[in-house]
């Protein structure tokens, strides 16, 4: 029944995408071997902004935060088309 509601499906898809991004952010930071506080020092971001970016909250990081976060880890943001399911 939930799957038949287009609004619910849209919300679930957006939530899933956000979770995947957060998982990738955390994985990139861990591969670099730095803590949230260390990443804050490297990137110039407050470690609380990093914590929020990695947390499953209603507060999403803005684009500047994402770019600084990723740049400090030697990563970049890219846009790719989804594979048809």
Protein backbone atom coordinates (compact mmCIF):
# COMPACT_ATOMS: atom_id res chain seq x y z
CA UNK A 1 0.00 0.00 0.00
CA UNK A 2 2.81 2.44 0.87
CA UNK A 3 4.60 1.61 -2.38
CA UNK A 4 1.57 2.72 -4.37
CA UNK A 5 1.70 6.29 -2.99
CA UNK A 6 3.92 8.39 -5.31
CA UNK A 7 4.72 10.95 -2.59
CA UNK A 8 5.88 8.24 -0.20
CA UNK A 9 7.97 6.62 -2.94
CA UNK A 10 9.59 9.97 -3.72
CA UNK A 11 10.41 10.59 -0.05
CA UNK A 12 11.88 7.10 0.36
CA UNK A 13 14.05 7.56 -2.77
CA UNK A 14 15.35 10.93 -1.53
CA UNK A 15 16.08 9.51 1.91
CA UNK A 16 17.90 6.57 0.38
CA UNK A 17 20.06 8.87 -1.75
CA UNK A 18 20.96 11.00 1.25
CA UNK A 19 21.92 7.92 3.24
CA UNK A 20 24.14 6.65 0.43
CA UNK A 21 25.90 10.01 0.26
CA UNK A 22 26.43 10.07 4.03
CA UNK A 23 27.84 6.54 3.92
CA UNK A 24 30.27 7.58 1.18
CA UNK A 25 31.35 10.67 3.10
CA UNK A 26 32.08 8.62 6.21
CA UNK A 27 33.91 5.96 4.18
CA UNK A 28 36.09 8.59 2.48
CA UNK A 29 36.99 10.18 5.82
CA UNK A 30 37.81 6.80 7.36
CA UNK A 31 39.94 5.81 4.35
CA UNK A 32 41.88 9.03 4.91
CA UNK A 33 42.34 7.98 8.53
CA UNK A 34 41.10 11.21 10.07
CA UNK A 35 38.57 12.01 12.77
CA UNK A 36 35.80 14.54 12.37
CA UNK A 37 37.81 17.04 14.42
CA UNK A 38 40.93 16.47 12.31
CA UNK A 39 38.93 16.89 9.12
CA UNK A 40 37.57 20.11 10.55
CA UNK A 41 41.09 21.45 11.05
CA UNK A 42 42.16 20.37 7.56
CA UNK A 43 39.07 21.69 5.79
CA UNK A 44 38.43 24.82 7.83
CA UNK A 45 34.97 23.52 8.70
CA UNK A 46 33.64 23.34 12.23
CA UNK A 47 33.69 19.70 13.31
CA UNK A 48 30.00 20.04 14.19
CA UNK A 49 29.24 20.77 10.52
CA UNK A 50 31.09 17.58 9.64
CA UNK A 51 29.14 15.65 12.25
CA UNK A 52 25.85 16.98 10.86
CA UNK A 53 26.88 16.10 7.30
CA UNK A 54 27.54 12.53 8.41
CA UNK A 55 24.48 12.21 10.65
CA UNK A 56 21.03 11.10 9.67
CA UNK A 57 19.26 14.35 10.55
CA UNK A 58 16.95 16.77 8.82
CA UNK A 59 19.88 19.18 8.49
CA UNK A 60 21.59 18.61 5.16
CA UNK A 61 25.01 20.08 4.41
CA UNK A 62 25.13 22.85 1.85
CA UNK A 63 27.16 22.57 -1.33
CA UNK A 64 30.07 24.66 -0.02
CA UNK A 65 30.36 22.39 3.01
CA UNK A 66 30.36 19.27 0.83
CA UNK A 67 33.00 20.68 -1.49
CA UNK A 68 35.28 21.71 1.41
CA UNK A 69 34.75 18.34 3.12
CA UNK A 70 35.61 16.38 -0.01
CA UNK A 71 38.45 18.65 -1.12
CA UNK A 72 40.18 18.20 2.24
CA UNK A 73 40.07 14.43 1.65
CA UNK A 74 41.37 14.66 -1.90
CA UNK A 75 37.95 13.81 -3.32
CA UNK A 76 35.52 15.65 -5.54
CA UNK A 77 31.80 15.75 -6.10
CA UNK A 78 30.47 14.45 -9.40
CA UNK A 79 27.07 13.91 -10.93
CA UNK A 80 26.24 10.65 -12.65
CA UNK A 81 23.04 9.37 -14.15
CA UNK A 82 21.22 6.64 -12.30
CA UNK A 83 21.17 3.22 -13.84
CA UNK A 84 17.63 2.21 -14.78
CA UNK A 85 16.20 -0.28 -12.30
